[in-house]
Amino acid sequence: AVLVQGNDMIRGQNKNDKIAPLSLCSNVRGFDLFDDPTWCPPERNLLREFYNDAKGQEWTNAAGWVDEFRYHCEWYGVECDEEGQIVKLTLGNGGLSGRISDAICNFRSLETVDLRDNDLKGGIPSEIGNLLNLSSLIISFNGIT
């Protein structure tokens, strides 16, 4: 059993919000709060996937990324709206390599993506065209095909 409720170290966007540790939300399918977006915001797991696909362990600044107890809107280069939905990813010139993860296509509120000046390879996920709020996609100076 894992005690999450009552743990004051775990805070969400607002002081009264709480989140479960990232590893519980992504690796423990039997975790009873796994499907509760208040405790396990799906954006955290999607950002973790993005981080892994873009070789996050090699980034020049990955402050807060995949931190067990940090709210995803506090991760470096991530900007959210009042509801905790990701609206901006600013990771230009940050040592990203690997590829642009398909996970990016699940950020329905995303307006701006800045991934310029990195070493990303491969293609742009085709589903990115379904992001109706996306107005700026900056991917220059990468190995995108």
N, C-alpha and C. Protein backbone atom coordinates (compact mmCIF):
# COMPACT_ATOMS: atom_id res chain seq x y z
N ALA A 1 0.85 -1.19 0.00
CA ALA A 1 0.00 0.00 0.00
C ALA A 1 0.88 1.24 0.00
N VAL A 2 0.43 2.25 -0.70
CA VAL A 2 1.16 3.51 -0.79
C VAL A 2 0.28 4.60 -0.23
N LEU A 3 0.77 5.32 0.76
CA LEU A 3 0.02 6.43 1.34
C LEU A 3 0.37 7.70 0.60
N VAL A 4 -0.59 8.27 -0.11
CA VAL A 4 -0.37 9.51 -0.84
C VAL A 4 -1.16 10.63 -0.18
N GLN A 5 -2.41 10.37 0.10
CA GLN A 5 -3.23 11.39 0.75
C GLN A 5 -2.64 11.71 2.11
N GLY A 6 -2.56 13.00 2.41
CA GLY A 6 -1.99 13.42 3.68
C GLY A 6 -0.50 13.73 3.61
N ASN A 7 0.14 13.46 2.49
CA ASN A 7 1.56 13.74 2.33
C ASN A 7 1.72 15.20 1.90
N ASP A 8 2.21 16.04 2.79
CA ASP A 8 2.32 17.48 2.52
C ASP A 8 3.44 17.84 1.55
N MET A 9 4.32 16.88 1.22
CA MET A 9 5.40 17.17 0.27
C MET A 9 4.89 17.23 -1.16
N ILE A 10 3.73 16.68 -1.41
CA ILE A 10 3.22 16.55 -2.77
C ILE A 10 2.21 17.65 -3.02
N ARG A 11 2.57 18.62 -3.85
CA ARG A 11 1.70 19.75 -4.14
C ARG A 11 1.51 19.90 -5.64
N GLY A 12 0.33 20.31 -6.03
CA GLY A 12 0.04 20.58 -7.43
C GLY A 12 0.16 22.06 -7.73
N GLN A 13 -0.59 22.50 -8.71
CA GLN A 13 -0.54 23.87 -9.18
C GLN A 13 -0.92 24.86 -8.09
N ASN A 14 -1.96 24.56 -7.35
CA ASN A 14 -2.40 25.42 -6.27
C ASN A 14 -1.99 24.79 -4.95
N LYS A 15 -1.84 25.59 -3.92
CA LYS A 15 -1.39 25.08 -2.62
C LYS A 15 -2.27 23.95 -2.10
N ASN A 16 -3.57 23.97 -2.45
CA ASN A 16 -4.48 22.96 -1.95
C ASN A 16 -4.51 21.71 -2.83
N ASP A 17 -3.94 21.79 -4.04
CA ASP A 17 -3.88 20.63 -4.93
C ASP A 17 -2.73 19.74 -4.52
N LYS A 18 -2.91 18.46 -4.73
CA LYS A 18 -1.82 17.52 -4.45
C LYS A 18 -1.68 16.59 -5.63
N ILE A 19 -0.47 16.11 -5.85
CA ILE A 19 -0.20 15.17 -6.93
C ILE A 19 0.55 13.97 -6.35
N ALA A 20 0.38 12.85 -7.01
CA ALA A 20 1.09 11.64 -6.61
C ALA A 20 2.49 11.65 -7.21
N PRO A 21 3.43 10.91 -6.65
CA PRO A 21 4.76 10.81 -7.24
C PRO A 21 4.68 10.33 -8.69
N LEU A 22 5.50 10.89 -9.53
CA LEU A 22 5.49 10.58 -10.95
C LEU A 22 5.62 9.09 -11.23
N SER A 23 6.49 8.40 -10.52
CA SER A 23 6.69 6.97 -10.77
C SER A 23 5.43 6.16 -10.47
N LEU A 24 4.65 6.57 -9.50
CA LEU A 24 3.38 5.87 -9.22
C LEU A 24 2.39 6.08 -10.35
N CYS A 25 2.40 7.28 -10.90
CA CYS A 25 1.43 7.60 -11.96
C CYS A 25 1.81 6.99 -13.30
N SER A 26 3.04 6.56 -13.46
CA SER A 26 3.45 6.02 -14.76
C SER A 26 3.80 4.54 -14.73
N ASN A 27 4.15 4.02 -13.58
CA ASN A 27 4.64 2.65 -13.55
C ASN A 27 3.79 1.67 -12.75
N VAL A 28 2.87 2.16 -11.96
CA VAL A 28 2.12 1.28 -11.07
C VAL A 28 0.66 1.26 -11.51
N ARG A 29 0.31 0.32 -12.39
CA ARG A 29 -1.04 0.26 -12.95
C ARG A 29 -2.10 -0.02 -11.89
N GLY A 30 -1.77 -0.68 -10.81
CA GLY A 30 -2.74 -0.97 -9.77
C GLY A 30 -2.94 0.18 -8.80
N PHE A 31 -2.20 1.25 -8.98
CA PHE A 31 -2.29 2.41 -8.09
C PHE A 31 -3.71 2.96 -8.18
N ASP A 32 -4.38 3.08 -7.05
CA ASP A 32 -5.81 3.40 -7.05
C ASP A 32 -6.14 4.81 -7.54
N LEU A 33 -5.17 5.70 -7.62
CA LEU A 33 -5.42 7.06 -8.10
C LEU A 33 -4.87 7.28 -9.51
N PHE A 34 -4.45 6.19 -10.18
CA PHE A 34 -3.84 6.29 -11.50
C PHE A 34 -4.72 7.04 -12.51
N ASP A 35 -6.00 6.80 -12.50
CA ASP A 35 -6.91 7.42 -13.46
C ASP A 35 -7.52 8.73 -12.96
N ASP A 36 -7.06 9.21 -11.84
CA ASP A 36 -7.57 10.47 -11.29
C ASP A 36 -6.66 11.61 -11.75
N PRO A 37 -7.13 12.49 -12.67
CA PRO A 37 -6.26 13.54 -13.20
C PRO A 37 -5.84 14.58 -12.16
N THR A 38 -6.52 14.62 -11.04
CA THR A 38 -6.11 15.53 -9.97
C THR A 38 -4.81 15.04 -9.35
N TRP A 39 -4.73 13.74 -9.09
CA TRP A 39 -3.54 13.16 -8.48
C TRP A 39 -2.47 12.80 -9.52
N CYS A 40 -2.90 12.35 -10.68
CA CYS A 40 -1.97 11.93 -11.73
C CYS A 40 -2.30 12.66 -13.04
N PRO A 41 -1.93 13.94 -13.15
CA PRO A 41 -2.21 14.67 -14.39
C PRO A 41 -1.57 13.95 -15.58
N PRO A 42 -2.35 13.62 -16.62
CA PRO A 42 -1.79 12.88 -17.75
C PRO A 42 -0.65 13.62 -18.45
N GLU A 43 -0.63 14.94 -18.34
CA GLU A 43 0.43 15.73 -18.95
C GLU A 43 1.81 15.33 -18.43
N ARG A 44 1.90 14.96 -17.17
CA ARG A 44 3.19 14.57 -16.59
C ARG A 44 3.76 13.34 -17.29
N ASN A 45 2.92 12.33 -17.50
CA ASN A 45 3.40 11.12 -18.19
C ASN A 45 3.75 11.41 -19.64
N LEU A 46 2.96 12.27 -20.30
CA LEU A 46 3.25 12.62 -21.69
C LEU A 46 4.56 13.39 -21.79
N LEU A 47 4.79 14.31 -20.86
CA LEU A 47 6.06 15.05 -20.85
C LEU A 47 7.24 14.11 -20.56
N ARG A 48 7.01 13.14 -19.71
CA ARG A 48 8.06 12.16 -19.42
C ARG A 48 8.43 11.40 -20.69
N GLU A 49 7.42 11.02 -21.49
CA GLU A 49 7.66 10.35 -22.76
C GLU A 49 8.43 11.26 -23.72
N PHE A 50 8.03 12.52 -23.79
CA PHE A 50 8.73 13.51 -24.61
C PHE A 50 10.20 13.61 -24.19
N TYR A 51 10.42 13.71 -22.88
CA TYR A 51 11.76 13.80 -22.30
C TYR A 51 12.62 12.59 -22.70
N ASN A 52 12.06 11.41 -22.57
CA ASN A 52 12.81 10.19 -22.91
C ASN A 52 13.13 10.12 -24.40
N ASP A 53 12.17 10.46 -25.26
CA ASP A 53 12.38 10.39 -26.70
C ASP A 53 13.39 11.43 -27.19
N ALA A 54 13.48 12.56 -26.49
CA ALA A 54 14.42 13.62 -26.86
C ALA A 54 15.70 13.56 -26.02
N LYS A 55 15.95 12.40 -25.42
CA LYS A 55 17.16 12.14 -24.64
C LYS A 55 17.39 13.19 -23.56
N GLY A 56 16.37 13.37 -22.73
CA GLY A 56 16.37 14.40 -21.69
C GLY A 56 17.55 14.36 -20.74
N GLN A 57 18.10 13.19 -20.49
CA GLN A 57 19.24 13.09 -19.58
C GLN A 57 20.47 13.83 -20.13
N GLU A 58 20.44 14.20 -21.42
CA GLU A 58 21.56 14.91 -22.04
C GLU A 58 21.30 16.41 -22.21
N TRP A 59 20.11 16.89 -21.85
CA TRP A 59 19.77 18.30 -22.04
C TRP A 59 20.67 19.20 -21.21
N THR A 60 20.88 20.41 -21.69
CA THR A 60 21.69 21.37 -20.94
C THR A 60 20.93 21.93 -19.75
N ASN A 61 19.61 21.97 -19.83
CA ASN A 61 18.80 22.41 -18.69
C ASN A 61 17.53 21.57 -18.65
N ALA A 62 17.47 20.68 -17.71
CA ALA A 62 16.29 19.83 -17.53
C ALA A 62 15.74 20.01 -16.12
N ALA A 63 15.86 21.22 -15.60
CA ALA A 63 15.45 21.51 -14.22
C ALA A 63 13.99 21.13 -14.00
N GLY A 64 13.77 20.26 -13.05
CA GLY A 64 12.44 19.83 -12.67
C GLY A 64 11.88 18.68 -13.47
N TRP A 65 12.42 18.43 -14.67
CA TRP A 65 11.87 17.38 -15.53
C TRP A 65 11.98 16.03 -14.85
N VAL A 66 10.90 15.28 -14.92
CA VAL A 66 10.70 13.95 -14.36
C VAL A 66 11.02 13.87 -12.86
N ASP A 67 10.93 15.00 -12.19
CA ASP A 67 11.07 15.03 -10.73
C ASP A 67 9.83 14.38 -10.13
N GLU A 68 10.03 13.51 -9.20
CA GLU A 68 8.92 12.75 -8.59
C GLU A 68 7.81 13.64 -8.04
N PHE A 69 8.19 14.74 -7.41
CA PHE A 69 7.21 15.52 -6.67
C PHE A 69 6.94 16.90 -7.24
N ARG A 70 7.55 17.23 -8.36
CA ARG A 70 7.35 18.56 -8.93
C ARG A 70 6.21 18.55 -9.94
N TYR A 71 5.36 19.54 -9.82
CA TYR A 71 4.24 19.73 -10.73
C TYR A 71 4.79 20.04 -12.12
N HIS A 72 4.21 19.46 -13.17
CA HIS A 72 4.76 19.59 -14.53
C HIS A 72 4.81 21.03 -15.02
N CYS A 73 3.96 21.89 -14.54
CA CYS A 73 3.97 23.30 -14.96
C CYS A 73 5.16 24.06 -14.40
N GLU A 74 5.91 23.43 -13.51
CA GLU A 74 7.12 24.03 -12.93
C GLU A 74 8.39 23.51 -13.60
N TRP A 75 8.25 22.58 -14.55
CA TRP A 75 9.42 22.04 -15.23
C TRP A 75 9.97 23.09 -16.18
N TYR A 76 11.27 23.12 -16.35
CA TYR A 76 11.92 24.10 -17.21
C TYR A 76 11.34 24.06 -18.62
N GLY A 77 10.98 25.23 -19.15
CA GLY A 77 10.50 25.35 -20.52
C GLY A 77 9.05 24.99 -20.73
N VAL A 78 8.33 24.65 -19.66
CA VAL A 78 6.92 24.29 -19.76
C VAL A 78 6.08 25.41 -19.17
N GLU A 79 5.12 25.87 -19.96
CA GLU A 79 4.20 26.91 -19.48
C GLU A 79 2.78 26.37 -19.60
N CYS A 80 1.99 26.59 -18.55
CA CYS A 80 0.63 26.07 -18.50
C CYS A 80 -0.39 27.19 -18.32
N ASP A 81 -1.63 26.86 -18.64
CA ASP A 81 -2.72 27.79 -18.36
C ASP A 81 -3.22 27.54 -16.93
N GLU A 82 -4.30 28.21 -16.56
CA GLU A 82 -4.83 28.11 -15.19
C GLU A 82 -5.29 26.71 -14.83
N GLU A 83 -5.68 25.92 -15.83
CA GLU A 83 -6.15 24.56 -15.58
C GLU A 83 -5.03 23.53 -15.57
N GLY A 84 -3.79 23.97 -15.76
CA GLY A 84 -2.67 23.03 -15.78
C GLY A 84 -2.44 22.39 -17.13
N GLN A 85 -3.09 22.91 -18.18
CA GLN A 85 -2.88 22.40 -19.53
C GLN A 85 -1.66 23.09 -20.13
N ILE A 86 -0.84 22.34 -20.82
CA ILE A 86 0.39 22.89 -21.40
C ILE A 86 0.04 23.75 -22.60
N VAL A 87 0.51 25.01 -22.58
CA VAL A 87 0.26 25.93 -23.69
C VAL A 87 1.55 26.29 -24.43
N LYS A 88 2.70 26.07 -23.78
CA LYS A 88 3.96 26.46 -24.42
C LYS A 88 5.09 25.54 -23.98
N LEU A 89 5.88 25.09 -24.96
CA LEU A 89 7.12 24.34 -24.71
C LEU A 89 8.25 25.15 -25.31
N THR A 90 9.15 25.64 -24.49
CA THR A 90 10.27 26.44 -24.95
C THR A 90 11.56 25.74 -24.55
N LEU A 91 12.11 24.96 -25.49
CA LEU A 91 13.30 24.16 -25.22
C LEU A 91 14.36 24.36 -26.30
N GLY A 92 14.37 25.55 -26.89
CA GLY A 92 15.36 25.86 -27.92
C GLY A 92 16.77 25.88 -27.36
N ASN A 93 17.72 25.44 -28.18
CA ASN A 93 19.14 25.44 -27.83
C ASN A 93 19.39 24.78 -26.48
N GLY A 94 18.75 23.62 -26.29
CA GLY A 94 18.84 22.97 -25.00
C GLY A 94 19.51 21.61 -25.01
N GLY A 95 20.14 21.25 -26.12
CA GLY A 95 20.83 19.97 -26.17
C GLY A 95 19.91 18.78 -26.40
N LEU A 96 18.71 19.03 -26.90
CA LEU A 96 17.79 17.94 -27.20
C LEU A 96 18.32 17.15 -28.40
N SER A 97 18.19 15.84 -28.33
CA SER A 97 18.54 14.99 -29.46
C SER A 97 17.49 13.89 -29.51
N GLY A 98 17.71 12.87 -30.26
CA GLY A 98 16.66 11.87 -30.41
C GLY A 98 15.63 12.36 -31.39
N ARG A 99 14.35 12.24 -31.01
CA ARG A 99 13.28 12.62 -31.94
C ARG A 99 12.20 13.41 -31.21
N ILE A 100 11.32 14.03 -32.00
CA ILE A 100 10.15 14.70 -31.44
C ILE A 100 9.12 13.61 -31.14
N SER A 101 8.78 13.47 -29.91
CA SER A 101 7.87 12.42 -29.48
C SER A 101 6.45 12.63 -29.98
N ASP A 102 5.78 11.54 -30.29
CA ASP A 102 4.36 11.59 -30.65
C ASP A 102 3.53 12.12 -29.49
N ALA A 103 4.06 12.06 -28.28
CA ALA A 103 3.34 12.53 -27.10
C ALA A 103 2.95 14.00 -27.23
N ILE A 104 3.73 14.76 -27.97
CA ILE A 104 3.46 16.19 -28.13
C ILE A 104 2.07 16.42 -28.74
N CYS A 105 1.59 15.47 -29.49
CA CYS A 105 0.28 15.60 -30.17
C CYS A 105 -0.90 15.49 -29.22
N ASN A 106 -0.64 15.14 -27.97
CA ASN A 106 -1.71 15.00 -26.98
C ASN A 106 -1.90 16.24 -26.13
N PHE A 107 -1.09 17.27 -26.35
CA PHE A 107 -1.24 18.51 -25.59
C PHE A 107 -2.22 19.41 -26.33
N ARG A 108 -3.50 19.20 -26.11
CA ARG A 108 -4.58 19.83 -26.87
C ARG A 108 -4.62 21.35 -26.74
N SER A 109 -4.03 21.92 -25.68
CA SER A 109 -4.05 23.37 -25.49
C SER A 109 -2.77 24.03 -25.99
N LEU A 110 -1.85 23.25 -26.54
CA LEU A 110 -0.55 23.76 -26.96
C LEU A 110 -0.67 24.84 -28.02
N GLU A 111 -0.04 25.98 -27.76
CA GLU A 111 -0.06 27.12 -28.68
C GLU A 111 1.29 27.36 -29.34
N THR A 112 2.38 27.14 -28.58
CA THR A 112 3.72 27.44 -29.07
C THR A 112 4.68 26.31 -28.71
N VAL A 113 5.48 25.90 -29.70
CA VAL A 113 6.54 24.93 -29.49
C VAL A 113 7.81 25.53 -30.07
N ASP A 114 8.84 25.67 -29.25
CA ASP A 114 10.13 26.18 -29.70
C ASP A 114 11.19 25.14 -29.38
N LEU A 115 11.62 24.44 -30.42
CA LEU A 115 12.65 23.40 -30.29
C LEU A 115 13.87 23.72 -31.15
N ARG A 116 14.02 24.97 -31.54
CA ARG A 116 15.09 25.37 -32.44
C ARG A 116 16.47 25.09 -31.85
N ASP A 117 17.43 24.96 -32.77
CA ASP A 117 18.84 24.84 -32.37
C ASP A 117 19.12 23.65 -31.46
N ASN A 118 18.65 22.50 -31.85
CA ASN A 118 18.93 21.27 -31.12
C ASN A 118 19.46 20.25 -32.11
N ASP A 119 19.46 19.00 -31.74
CA ASP A 119 19.94 17.95 -32.63
C ASP A 119 18.86 16.88 -32.80
N LEU A 120 17.62 17.32 -32.95
CA LEU A 120 16.51 16.40 -33.15
C LEU A 120 16.53 15.86 -34.57
N LYS A 121 16.20 14.59 -34.72
CA LYS A 121 16.20 13.93 -36.02
C LYS A 121 14.82 13.35 -36.30
N GLY A 122 14.65 12.84 -37.50
CA GLY A 122 13.39 12.20 -37.86
C GLY A 122 12.38 13.21 -38.38
N GLY A 123 11.12 12.84 -38.29
CA GLY A 123 10.07 13.68 -38.82
C GLY A 123 9.24 14.36 -37.75
N ILE A 124 8.33 15.19 -38.22
CA ILE A 124 7.37 15.83 -37.34
C ILE A 124 6.18 14.89 -37.24
N PRO A 125 5.73 14.57 -36.04
CA PRO A 125 4.57 13.67 -35.92
C PRO A 125 3.38 14.23 -36.70
N SER A 126 2.78 13.41 -37.54
CA SER A 126 1.70 13.88 -38.41
C SER A 126 0.49 14.38 -37.64
N GLU A 127 0.24 13.82 -36.47
CA GLU A 127 -0.92 14.22 -35.68
C GLU A 127 -0.78 15.63 -35.11
N ILE A 128 0.39 16.24 -35.24
CA ILE A 128 0.57 17.59 -34.72
C ILE A 128 -0.38 18.57 -35.41
N GLY A 129 -0.82 18.21 -36.62
CA GLY A 129 -1.78 19.02 -37.34
C GLY A 129 -3.15 19.06 -36.69
N ASN A 130 -3.40 18.16 -35.76
CA ASN A 130 -4.67 18.15 -35.04
C ASN A 130 -4.70 19.10 -33.85
N LEU A 131 -3.59 19.73 -33.56
CA LEU A 131 -3.53 20.68 -32.44
C LEU A 131 -4.06 22.03 -32.93
N LEU A 132 -5.32 22.26 -32.70
CA LEU A 132 -6.01 23.42 -33.26
C LEU A 132 -5.54 24.76 -32.69
N ASN A 133 -4.95 24.75 -31.49
CA ASN A 133 -4.47 25.99 -30.88
C ASN A 133 -3.02 26.31 -31.24
N LEU A 134 -2.34 25.37 -31.88
CA LEU A 134 -0.92 25.56 -32.20
C LEU A 134 -0.76 26.64 -33.26
N SER A 135 -0.09 27.73 -32.90
CA SER A 135 0.12 28.83 -33.83
C SER A 135 1.59 29.03 -34.18
N SER A 136 2.48 28.42 -33.40
CA SER A 136 3.91 28.60 -33.65
C SER A 136 4.65 27.30 -33.38
N LEU A 137 5.31 26.79 -34.43
CA LEU A 137 6.14 25.58 -34.33
C LEU A 137 7.51 25.95 -34.88
N ILE A 138 8.48 26.10 -33.99
CA ILE A 138 9.82 26.53 -34.38
C ILE A 138 10.77 25.34 -34.19
N ILE A 139 11.22 24.79 -35.32
CA ILE A 139 12.09 23.61 -35.27
C ILE A 139 13.33 23.79 -36.14
N SER A 140 13.66 25.02 -36.47
CA SER A 140 14.84 25.28 -37.32
C SER A 140 16.12 24.81 -36.65
N PHE A 141 17.12 24.56 -37.49
CA PHE A 141 18.45 24.14 -37.04
C PHE A 141 18.40 22.84 -36.24
N ASN A 142 17.73 21.84 -36.81
CA ASN A 142 17.67 20.48 -36.32
C ASN A 142 17.90 19.58 -37.52
N GLY A 143 17.86 18.29 -37.32
CA GLY A 143 17.98 17.34 -38.42
C GLY A 143 16.64 16.77 -38.83
N ILE A 144 15.59 17.58 -38.73
CA ILE A 144 14.24 17.13 -39.05
C ILE A 144 14.12 16.90 -40.55
N THR A 145 13.53 15.77 -40.93
CA THR A 145 13.36 15.47 -42.35
C THR A 145 11.91 15.60 -42.77
